[in-house]
């Protein structure tokens, strides 16, 4: 009796996971880009006569406690969450890459000082530090992006630093230094291009993390204004409806948050295995 091919089964499972993740991401992007211009409805329009209606053909996701269409609210909320995730993720990756590369390239007391600062900030919970940052500003998208970016660059700095430290001992770096290249030129021309794949992967992994961070801040009332659609705000305002037995105002915003973040994490995992199959867990944020 032939033994099952575990390698083939793993490859098939990985292919299915990547395909499903890519399909979800594509559907999310199409919904975010096409639904608002195609559906000629105001997502802020209040209709008290239609409040808390269950899903139907007219309102596929039902309506909320003031009669607003939940499908449009979820799409607009997802647009905000994606905006925060992408901008904050890219900003945090740029900061972390610059800090990690400079610390490893200069070494000595610079490296020790920078890494002690990283350890100090890492000892404070991200959410607590984020609450402290957004509390200094008025609610809005900008303060949330700043909060997420300033609290999520630390892991990227560690990853880039470890990669640069391993690259410093390579022969091509020694050859560049022997040829008279300055330390700055070595960093810009040789070290940074070598760590870009890892930094790009860190940025992709940062997007779902930033989306959850924004949703948590909005759920606590510290993120976006309550009238602005965001997935955290939608879940927060639906708590009373859930206790009354109306499940759809909570279910659909939750799915809009969970499915895209899982899909992005699945694509990032496939990328991680592709660029560095021997170290699959190093970039878990």
C-alpha atoms as a PDB file:
ATOM      1  CA  UNK A   1       0.000   0.000   0.000  1.00  0.00           C
ATOM      2  CA  UNK A   2       1.499   3.305  -1.073  1.00  0.00           C
ATOM      3  CA  UNK A   3       2.211   5.853   1.640  1.00  0.00           C
ATOM      4  CA  UNK A   4       0.543   9.256   1.313  1.00  0.00           C
ATOM      5  CA  UNK A   5       2.685  11.992  -0.200  1.00  0.00           C
ATOM      6  CA  UNK A   6       2.810  14.541   2.635  1.00  0.00           C
ATOM      7  CA  UNK A   7       4.814  16.991   0.554  1.00  0.00           C
ATOM      8  CA  UNK A   8       2.203  17.017  -2.197  1.00  0.00           C
ATOM      9  CA  UNK A   9      -0.599  17.432   0.343  1.00  0.00           C
ATOM     10  CA  UNK A  10       1.182  20.389   1.917  1.00  0.00           C
ATOM     11  CA  UNK A  11       1.722  22.008  -1.463  1.00  0.00           C
ATOM     12  CA  UNK A  12      -1.940  21.533  -2.364  1.00  0.00           C
ATOM     13  CA  UNK A  13      -3.058  22.999   0.967  1.00  0.00           C
ATOM     14  CA  UNK A  14      -0.702  25.944   0.525  1.00  0.00           C
ATOM     15  CA  UNK A  15      -1.982  26.533  -3.010  1.00  0.00           C
ATOM     16  CA  UNK A  16      -5.601  26.499  -1.844  1.00  0.00           C
ATOM     17  CA  UNK A  17      -4.772  28.885   0.995  1.00  0.00           C
ATOM     18  CA  UNK A  18      -2.997  31.329  -1.293  1.00  0.00           C
ATOM     19  CA  UNK A  19      -5.758  31.170  -3.909  1.00  0.00           C
ATOM     20  CA  UNK A  20      -8.474  31.787  -1.302  1.00  0.00           C
ATOM     21  CA  UNK A  21      -6.485  34.644   0.234  1.00  0.00           C
ATOM     22  CA  UNK A  22      -5.892  36.252  -3.158  1.00  0.00           C
ATOM     23  CA  UNK A  23      -9.595  35.915  -4.003  1.00  0.00           C
ATOM     24  CA  UNK A  24     -10.658  37.591  -0.764  1.00  0.00           C
ATOM     25  CA  UNK A  25      -8.180  40.437  -1.235  1.00  0.00           C
ATOM     26  CA  UNK A  26      -9.337  40.940  -4.841  1.00  0.00           C
ATOM     27  CA  UNK A  27     -12.998  40.962  -3.761  1.00  0.00           C
ATOM     28  CA  UNK A  28     -12.226  43.479  -1.013  1.00  0.00           C
ATOM     29  CA  UNK A  29     -10.407  45.794  -3.409  1.00  0.00           C
ATOM     30  CA  UNK A  30     -13.232  45.590  -5.960  1.00  0.00           C
ATOM     31  CA  UNK A  31     -15.828  46.320  -3.270  1.00  0.00           C
ATOM     32  CA  UNK A  32     -13.871  49.268  -1.913  1.00  0.00           C
ATOM     33  CA  UNK A  33     -13.264  50.740  -5.364  1.00  0.00           C
ATOM     34  CA  UNK A  34     -16.547  49.985  -7.148  1.00  0.00           C
ATOM     35  CA  UNK A  35     -19.380  49.864  -4.612  1.00  0.00           C
ATOM     36  CA  UNK A  36     -19.361  53.556  -3.576  1.00  0.00           C
ATOM     37  CA  UNK A  37     -19.508  54.987  -7.136  1.00  0.00           C
ATOM     38  CA  UNK A  38     -21.911  52.322  -8.451  1.00  0.00           C
ATOM     39  CA  UNK A  39     -24.395  52.326  -5.579  1.00  0.00           C
ATOM     40  CA  UNK A  40     -25.996  55.753  -5.634  1.00  0.00           C
ATOM     41  CA  UNK A  41     -26.934  55.815  -1.961  1.00  0.00           C
ATOM     42  CA  UNK A  42     -25.761  57.970   0.908  1.00  0.00           C
ATOM     43  CA  UNK A  43     -24.157  55.797   3.580  1.00  0.00           C
ATOM     44  CA  UNK A  44     -25.052  58.485   6.143  1.00  0.00           C
ATOM     45  CA  UNK A  45     -28.735  58.670   5.133  1.00  0.00           C
ATOM     46  CA  UNK A  46     -30.984  58.086   8.155  1.00  0.00           C
ATOM     47  CA  UNK A  47     -34.328  56.294   7.781  1.00  0.00           C
ATOM     48  CA  UNK A  48     -35.872  55.683  11.186  1.00  0.00           C
ATOM     49  CA  UNK A  49     -38.763  53.812   9.601  1.00  0.00           C
ATOM     50  CA  UNK A  50     -36.303  51.169   8.374  1.00  0.00           C
ATOM     51  CA  UNK A  51     -34.103  50.842  11.455  1.00  0.00           C
ATOM     52  CA  UNK A  52     -32.723  47.424  12.444  1.00  0.00           C
ATOM     53  CA  UNK A  53     -34.201  45.593   9.482  1.00  0.00           C
ATOM     54  CA  UNK A  54     -32.672  42.151   8.881  1.00  0.00           C
ATOM     55  CA  UNK A  55     -30.809  41.330   5.639  1.00  0.00           C
ATOM     56  CA  UNK A  56     -33.013  41.524   2.544  1.00  0.00           C
ATOM     57  CA  UNK A  57     -32.744  42.131  -1.194  1.00  0.00           C
ATOM     58  CA  UNK A  58     -33.039  45.868  -0.630  1.00  0.00           C
ATOM     59  CA  UNK A  59     -30.459  45.858   2.185  1.00  0.00           C
ATOM     60  CA  UNK A  60     -28.247  42.737   1.830  1.00  0.00           C
ATOM     61  CA  UNK A  61     -26.569  43.349   5.205  1.00  0.00           C
ATOM     62  CA  UNK A  62     -29.653  44.853   6.868  1.00  0.00           C
ATOM     63  CA  UNK A  63     -29.798  48.281   8.477  1.00  0.00           C
ATOM     64  CA  UNK A  64     -28.406  49.725  11.703  1.00  0.00           C
ATOM     65  CA  UNK A  65     -30.174  51.360  14.638  1.00  0.00           C
ATOM     66  CA  UNK A  66     -31.004  54.525  12.653  1.00  0.00           C
ATOM     67  CA  UNK A  67     -31.880  52.855   9.351  1.00  0.00           C
ATOM     68  CA  UNK A  68     -28.578  53.279   7.499  1.00  0.00           C
ATOM     69  CA  UNK A  69     -27.593  50.611   4.967  1.00  0.00           C
ATOM     70  CA  UNK A  70     -25.010  48.317   6.595  1.00  0.00           C
ATOM     71  CA  UNK A  71     -23.444  47.170   3.332  1.00  0.00           C
ATOM     72  CA  UNK A  72     -22.429  50.706   2.426  1.00  0.00           C
ATOM     73  CA  UNK A  73     -21.355  51.415   6.001  1.00  0.00           C
ATOM     74  CA  UNK A  74     -19.147  48.304   6.025  1.00  0.00           C
ATOM     75  CA  UNK A  75     -17.569  49.184   2.675  1.00  0.00           C
ATOM     76  CA  UNK A  76     -16.819  52.751   3.765  1.00  0.00           C
ATOM     77  CA  UNK A  77     -15.516  51.460   7.098  1.00  0.00           C
ATOM     78  CA  UNK A  78     -13.252  49.002   5.302  1.00  0.00           C
ATOM     79  CA  UNK A  79     -11.912  51.832   3.117  1.00  0.00           C
ATOM     80  CA  UNK A  80     -10.904  53.744   6.236  1.00  0.00           C
ATOM     81  CA  UNK A  81      -9.346  50.684   7.870  1.00  0.00           C
ATOM     82  CA  UNK A  82      -7.370  49.840   4.729  1.00  0.00           C
ATOM     83  CA  UNK A  83      -6.191  53.439   4.419  1.00  0.00           C
ATOM     84  CA  UNK A  84      -4.972  53.426   8.007  1.00  0.00           C
ATOM     85  CA  UNK A  85      -3.401  49.984   7.603  1.00  0.00           C
ATOM     86  CA  UNK A  86      -1.514  50.726   4.388  1.00  0.00           C
ATOM     87  CA  UNK A  87      -0.269  54.218   5.298  1.00  0.00           C
ATOM     88  CA  UNK A  88       0.619  53.327   8.879  1.00  0.00           C
ATOM     89  CA  UNK A  89       2.231  50.047   7.804  1.00  0.00           C
ATOM     90  CA  UNK A  90       4.407  51.734   5.181  1.00  0.00           C
ATOM     91  CA  UNK A  91       5.375  54.534   7.578  1.00  0.00           C
ATOM     92  CA  UNK A  92       6.278  52.099  10.348  1.00  0.00           C
ATOM     93  CA  UNK A  93       8.297  49.989   7.900  1.00  0.00           C
ATOM     94  CA  UNK A  94      10.265  53.003   6.654  1.00  0.00           C
ATOM     95  CA  UNK A  95      11.047  54.086  10.215  1.00  0.00           C
ATOM     96  CA  UNK A  96      11.981  50.580  11.325  1.00  0.00           C
ATOM     97  CA  UNK A  97      14.130  49.928   8.259  1.00  0.00           C
ATOM     98  CA  UNK A  98      16.032  53.190   8.649  1.00  0.00           C
ATOM     99  CA  UNK A  99      16.598  52.722  12.392  1.00  0.00           C
ATOM    100  CA  UNK A 100      17.598  49.064  12.125  1.00  0.00           C
ATOM    101  CA  UNK A 101      19.927  49.593   9.157  1.00  0.00           C
ATOM    102  CA  UNK A 102      21.698  52.584  10.696  1.00  0.00           C
ATOM    103  CA  UNK A 103      22.100  50.852  14.074  1.00  0.00           C
ATOM    104  CA  UNK A 104      23.672  47.769  12.517  1.00  0.00           C
ATOM    105  CA  UNK A 105      25.769  49.683   9.973  1.00  0.00           C
ATOM    106  CA  UNK A 106      27.386  52.025  12.520  1.00  0.00           C
ATOM    107  CA  UNK A 107      27.585  49.471  15.339  1.00  0.00           C
ATOM    108  CA  UNK A 108      29.299  50.239  18.634  1.00  0.00           C
ATOM    109  CA  UNK A 109      27.624  52.655  21.028  1.00  0.00           C
ATOM    110  CA  UNK A 110      25.135  53.753  18.333  1.00  0.00           C
ATOM    111  CA  UNK A 111      23.846  50.216  17.984  1.00  0.00           C
ATOM    112  CA  UNK A 112      23.650  49.701  21.737  1.00  0.00           C
ATOM    113  CA  UNK A 113      21.858  53.011  22.330  1.00  0.00           C
ATOM    114  CA  UNK A 114      19.318  52.454  19.561  1.00  0.00           C
ATOM    115  CA  UNK A 115      18.519  48.903  20.636  1.00  0.00           C
ATOM    116  CA  UNK A 116      18.102  49.945  24.273  1.00  0.00           C
ATOM    117  CA  UNK A 117      15.566  52.532  23.093  1.00  0.00           C
ATOM    118  CA  UNK A 118      13.816  49.830  21.065  1.00  0.00           C
ATOM    119  CA  UNK A 119      13.716  47.557  24.121  1.00  0.00           C
ATOM    120  CA  UNK A 120      12.324  50.384  26.231  1.00  0.00           C
ATOM    121  CA  UNK A 121       9.485  51.140  23.825  1.00  0.00           C
ATOM    122  CA  UNK A 122       8.796  47.415  23.366  1.00  0.00           C
ATOM    123  CA  UNK A 123       8.228  47.029  27.094  1.00  0.00           C
ATOM    124  CA  UNK A 124       5.127  49.254  26.845  1.00  0.00           C
ATOM    125  CA  UNK A 125       2.014  47.568  25.345  1.00  0.00           C
ATOM    126  CA  UNK A 126       1.257  48.877  21.853  1.00  0.00           C
ATOM    127  CA  UNK A 127      -2.359  49.638  22.603  1.00  0.00           C
ATOM    128  CA  UNK A 128      -1.560  51.540  25.791  1.00  0.00           C
ATOM    129  CA  UNK A 129       1.070  53.650  24.041  1.00  0.00           C
ATOM    130  CA  UNK A 130      -1.308  54.199  21.116  1.00  0.00           C
ATOM    131  CA  UNK A 131      -4.036  55.419  23.458  1.00  0.00           C
ATOM    132  CA  UNK A 132      -1.587  57.884  24.988  1.00  0.00           C
ATOM    133  CA  UNK A 133      -0.680  59.244  21.538  1.00  0.00           C
ATOM    134  CA  UNK A 134      -4.214  59.629  20.149  1.00  0.00           C
ATOM    135  CA  UNK A 135      -5.417  61.197  23.416  1.00  0.00           C
ATOM    136  CA  UNK A 136      -3.258  64.243  22.622  1.00  0.00           C
ATOM    137  CA  UNK A 137      -5.176  64.999  19.404  1.00  0.00           C
ATOM    138  CA  UNK A 138      -8.729  65.343  18.200  1.00  0.00           C
ATOM    139  CA  UNK A 139     -10.284  62.115  16.857  1.00  0.00           C
ATOM    140  CA  UNK A 140      -9.448  61.561  13.208  1.00  0.00           C
ATOM    141  CA  UNK A 141      -7.624  59.426  10.677  1.00  0.00           C
ATOM    142  CA  UNK A 142      -4.327  61.329  11.016  1.00  0.00           C
ATOM    143  CA  UNK A 143      -3.789  60.760  14.758  1.00  0.00           C
ATOM    144  CA  UNK A 144      -4.664  57.070  14.372  1.00  0.00           C
ATOM    145  CA  UNK A 145      -2.099  56.649  11.573  1.00  0.00           C
ATOM    146  CA  UNK A 146       0.544  58.435  13.658  1.00  0.00           C
ATOM    147  CA  UNK A 147      -0.323  56.286  16.670  1.00  0.00           C
ATOM    148  CA  UNK A 148      -0.036  53.013  14.759  1.00  0.00           C
ATOM    149  CA  UNK A 149       3.128  54.012  12.902  1.00  0.00           C
ATOM    150  CA  UNK A 150       4.952  55.164  16.043  1.00  0.00           C
ATOM    151  CA  UNK A 151       4.115  51.993  17.968  1.00  0.00           C
ATOM    152  CA  UNK A 152       4.737  49.338  15.292  1.00  0.00           C
ATOM    153  CA  UNK A 153       8.171  50.034  13.820  1.00  0.00           C
ATOM    154  CA  UNK A 154      10.072  48.215  16.573  1.00  0.00           C
ATOM    155  CA  UNK A 155       9.824  44.661  15.233  1.00  0.00           C
ATOM    156  CA  UNK A 156      10.866  45.829  11.760  1.00  0.00           C
ATOM    157  CA  UNK A 157      13.914  47.572  13.242  1.00  0.00           C
ATOM    158  CA  UNK A 158      14.980  44.326  14.951  1.00  0.00           C
ATOM    159  CA  UNK A 159      14.507  42.277  11.786  1.00  0.00           C
ATOM    160  CA  UNK A 160      16.413  44.702   9.568  1.00  0.00           C
ATOM    161  CA  UNK A 161      19.204  45.038  12.131  1.00  0.00           C
ATOM    162  CA  UNK A 162      19.695  41.270  12.284  1.00  0.00           C
ATOM    163  CA  UNK A 163      19.752  41.045   8.479  1.00  0.00           C
ATOM    164  CA  UNK A 164      22.269  43.880   8.159  1.00  0.00           C
ATOM    165  CA  UNK A 165      24.503  42.350  10.839  1.00  0.00           C
ATOM    166  CA  UNK A 166      24.570  39.088   8.905  1.00  0.00           C
ATOM    167  CA  UNK A 167      25.313  40.944   5.653  1.00  0.00           C
ATOM    168  CA  UNK A 168      28.210  42.943   7.114  1.00  0.00           C
ATOM    169  CA  UNK A 169      30.378  39.821   7.186  1.00  0.00           C
ATOM    170  CA  UNK A 170      29.752  38.952   3.525  1.00  0.00           C
ATOM    171  CA  UNK A 171      32.689  39.179   1.087  1.00  0.00           C
ATOM    172  CA  UNK A 172      31.033  41.751  -1.190  1.00  0.00           C
ATOM    173  CA  UNK A 173      30.714  44.175   1.745  1.00  0.00           C
ATOM    174  CA  UNK A 174      34.395  43.716   2.599  1.00  0.00           C
ATOM    175  CA  UNK A 175      35.251  44.288  -1.052  1.00  0.00           C
ATOM    176  CA  UNK A 176      33.244  47.516  -1.151  1.00  0.00           C
ATOM    177  CA  UNK A 177      34.913  48.830   2.006  1.00  0.00           C
ATOM    178  CA  UNK A 178      38.358  47.842   0.703  1.00  0.00           C
ATOM    179  CA  UNK A 179      37.578  49.695  -2.502  1.00  0.00           C
ATOM    180  CA  UNK A 180      37.138  52.928  -0.555  1.00  0.00           C
ATOM    181  CA  UNK A 181      33.351  53.061  -0.290  1.00  0.00           C
ATOM    182  CA  UNK A 182      32.111  55.166   2.619  1.00  0.00           C
ATOM    183  CA  UNK A 183      29.886  53.713   5.303  1.00  0.00           C
ATOM    184  CA  UNK A 184      26.881  55.647   4.006  1.00  0.00           C
ATOM    185  CA  UNK A 185      27.462  54.415   0.458  1.00  0.00           C
ATOM    186  CA  UNK A 186      27.707  50.820   1.669  1.00  0.00           C
ATOM    187  CA  UNK A 187      24.396  51.196   3.508  1.00  0.00           C
ATOM    188  CA  UNK A 188      22.563  52.808   0.582  1.00  0.00           C
ATOM    189  CA  UNK A 189      24.042  50.798  -2.304  1.00  0.00           C
ATOM    190  CA  UNK A 190      24.493  47.358  -0.742  1.00  0.00           C
ATOM    191  CA  UNK A 191      22.793  46.818   2.607  1.00  0.00           C
ATOM    192  CA  UNK A 192      19.394  48.456   2.079  1.00  0.00           C
ATOM    193  CA  UNK A 193      18.678  46.742  -1.287  1.00  0.00           C
ATOM    194  CA  UNK A 194      19.536  43.400   0.310  1.00  0.00           C
ATOM    195  CA  UNK A 195      16.996  43.843   3.118  1.00  0.00           C
ATOM    196  CA  UNK A 196      14.178  45.269   0.972  1.00  0.00           C
ATOM    197  CA  UNK A 197      12.406  41.889   0.541  1.00  0.00           C
ATOM    198  CA  UNK A 198      12.300  41.399   4.320  1.00  0.00           C
ATOM    199  CA  UNK A 199      11.187  44.999   4.843  1.00  0.00           C
ATOM    200  CA  UNK A 200       8.456  44.639   2.217  1.00  0.00           C
ATOM    201  CA  UNK A 201       7.211  41.484   3.904  1.00  0.00           C
ATOM    202  CA  UNK A 202       7.171  43.286   7.247  1.00  0.00           C
ATOM    203  CA  UNK A 203       5.072  46.058   5.659  1.00  0.00           C
ATOM    204  CA  UNK A 204       2.504  43.561   4.338  1.00  0.00           C
ATOM    205  CA  UNK A 205       2.295  41.871   7.729  1.00  0.00           C
ATOM    206  CA  UNK A 206       1.878  45.274   9.354  1.00  0.00           C
ATOM    207  CA  UNK A 207      -1.302  46.124   7.412  1.00  0.00           C
ATOM    208  CA  UNK A 208      -3.679  43.657   9.148  1.00  0.00           C
ATOM    209  CA  UNK A 209      -2.070  44.462  12.498  1.00  0.00           C
ATOM    210  CA  UNK A 210      -2.679  48.179  11.907  1.00  0.00           C
ATOM    211  CA  UNK A 211      -6.281  47.518  10.875  1.00  0.00           C
ATOM    212  CA  UNK A 212      -6.951  45.732  14.164  1.00  0.00           C
ATOM    213  CA  UNK A 213      -5.214  48.521  16.064  1.00  0.00           C
ATOM    214  CA  UNK A 214      -7.401  51.170  14.427  1.00  0.00           C
ATOM    215  CA  UNK A 215     -10.518  49.123  15.100  1.00  0.00           C
ATOM    216  CA  UNK A 216      -9.555  48.717  18.757  1.00  0.00           C
ATOM    217  CA  UNK A 217      -8.990  52.461  19.180  1.00  0.00           C
ATOM    218  CA  UNK A 218     -12.283  53.298  17.451  1.00  0.00           C
ATOM    219  CA  UNK A 219     -14.112  50.689  19.531  1.00  0.00           C
ATOM    220  CA  UNK A 220     -12.788  52.386  22.672  1.00  0.00           C
ATOM    221  CA  UNK A 221     -13.976  55.762  21.382  1.00  0.00           C
ATOM    222  CA  UNK A 222     -10.446  57.103  20.834  1.00  0.00           C
ATOM    223  CA  UNK A 223     -10.039  56.587  17.101  1.00  0.00           C
ATOM    224  CA  UNK A 224     -12.287  58.064  14.448  1.00  0.00           C
ATOM    225  CA  UNK A 225     -15.296  60.295  15.231  1.00  0.00           C
ATOM    226  CA  UNK A 226     -18.406  58.273  15.989  1.00  0.00           C
ATOM    227  CA  UNK A 227     -20.293  59.604  12.943  1.00  0.00           C
ATOM    228  CA  UNK A 228     -17.550  58.412  10.567  1.00  0.00           C
ATOM    229  CA  UNK A 229     -17.838  54.842   9.345  1.00  0.00           C
ATOM    230  CA  UNK A 230     -15.032  52.584  10.507  1.00  0.00           C
ATOM    231  CA  UNK A 231     -15.164  48.910  11.367  1.00  0.00           C
ATOM    232  CA  UNK A 232     -14.364  49.615  15.009  1.00  0.00           C
ATOM    233  CA  UNK A 233     -17.090  52.261  15.234  1.00  0.00           C
ATOM    234  CA  UNK A 234     -19.624  49.938  13.587  1.00  0.00           C
ATOM    235  CA  UNK A 235     -18.932  47.153  16.058  1.00  0.00           C
ATOM    236  CA  UNK A 236     -18.997  49.575  18.984  1.00  0.00           C
ATOM    237  CA  UNK A 237     -22.374  51.082  18.049  1.00  0.00           C
ATOM    238  CA  UNK A 238     -23.856  47.611  17.445  1.00  0.00           C
ATOM    239  CA  UNK A 239     -23.311  46.345  20.999  1.00  0.00           C
ATOM    240  CA  UNK A 240     -26.760  47.389  22.161  1.00  0.00           C
ATOM    241  CA  UNK A 241     -28.399  45.799  19.124  1.00  0.00           C
ATOM    242  CA  UNK A 242     -26.611  42.511  19.779  1.00  0.00           C
ATOM    243  CA  UNK A 243     -27.924  42.391  23.340  1.00  0.00           C
ATOM    244  CA  UNK A 244     -31.415  42.942  21.939  1.00  0.00           C
ATOM    245  CA  UNK A 245     -31.034  39.933  19.614  1.00  0.00           C
ATOM    246  CA  UNK A 246     -30.185  41.784  16.379  1.00  0.00           C
ATOM    247  CA  UNK A 247     -27.089  39.936  15.172  1.00  0.00           C
ATOM    248  CA  UNK A 248     -26.411  41.492  11.750  1.00  0.00           C
ATOM    249  CA  UNK A 249     -25.078  44.925  12.870  1.00  0.00           C
ATOM    250  CA  UNK A 250     -22.237  43.111  14.646  1.00  0.00           C
ATOM    251  CA  UNK A 251     -21.674  40.115  12.356  1.00  0.00           C
ATOM    252  CA  UNK A 252     -21.004  41.862   9.058  1.00  0.00           C
ATOM    253  CA  UNK A 253     -18.544  44.534  10.307  1.00  0.00           C
ATOM    254  CA  UNK A 254     -16.743  41.758  12.181  1.00  0.00           C
ATOM    255  CA  UNK A 255     -16.473  39.661   9.021  1.00  0.00           C
ATOM    256  CA  UNK A 256     -15.262  42.677   7.049  1.00  0.00           C
ATOM    257  CA  UNK A 257     -12.476  43.018   9.606  1.00  0.00           C
ATOM    258  CA  UNK A 258     -11.558  39.343  10.076  1.00  0.00           C
ATOM    259  CA  UNK A 259     -11.600  38.040   6.493  1.00  0.00           C
ATOM    260  CA  UNK A 260      -9.349  40.692   4.853  1.00  0.00           C
ATOM    261  CA  UNK A 261      -6.821  40.548   7.682  1.00  0.00           C
ATOM    262  CA  UNK A 262      -6.662  36.738   7.503  1.00  0.00           C
ATOM    263  CA  UNK A 263      -6.301  36.924   3.709  1.00  0.00           C
ATOM    264  CA  UNK A 264      -3.459  39.451   3.926  1.00  0.00           C
ATOM    265  CA  UNK A 265      -1.745  37.331   6.565  1.00  0.00           C
ATOM    266  CA  UNK A 266      -2.104  34.267   4.311  1.00  0.00           C
ATOM    267  CA  UNK A 267      -0.509  36.040   1.350  1.00  0.00           C
ATOM    268  CA  UNK A 268       2.272  37.364   3.555  1.00  0.00           C
ATOM    269  CA  UNK A 269       2.911  33.848   4.875  1.00  0.00           C
ATOM    270  CA  UNK A 270       3.257  32.521   1.332  1.00  0.00           C
ATOM    271  CA  UNK A 271       5.665  35.347   0.517  1.00  0.00           C
ATOM    272  CA  UNK A 272       7.668  34.602   3.661  1.00  0.00           C
ATOM    273  CA  UNK A 273       8.031  30.942   2.708  1.00  0.00           C
ATOM    274  CA  UNK A 274       9.068  31.930  -0.800  1.00  0.00           C
ATOM    275  CA  UNK A 275      11.826  34.389   0.106  1.00  0.00           C
ATOM    276  CA  UNK A 276      13.154  32.498   3.125  1.00  0.00           C
ATOM    277  CA  UNK A 277      11.690  29.003   3.562  1.00  0.00           C
ATOM    278  CA  UNK A 278      14.096  28.073   6.369  1.00  0.00           C
ATOM    279  CA  UNK A 279      13.002  30.901   8.688  1.00  0.00           C
ATOM    280  CA  UNK A 280       9.216  30.893   8.433  1.00  0.00           C
ATOM    281  CA  UNK A 281       8.507  32.245  11.865  1.00  0.00           C
ATOM    282  CA  UNK A 282      11.035  35.076  12.103  1.00  0.00           C
ATOM    283  CA  UNK A 283       8.778  37.785  10.737  1.00  0.00           C
ATOM    284  CA  UNK A 284       5.724  37.052  12.859  1.00  0.00           C
ATOM    285  CA  UNK A 285       4.759  40.463  14.261  1.00  0.00           C
END
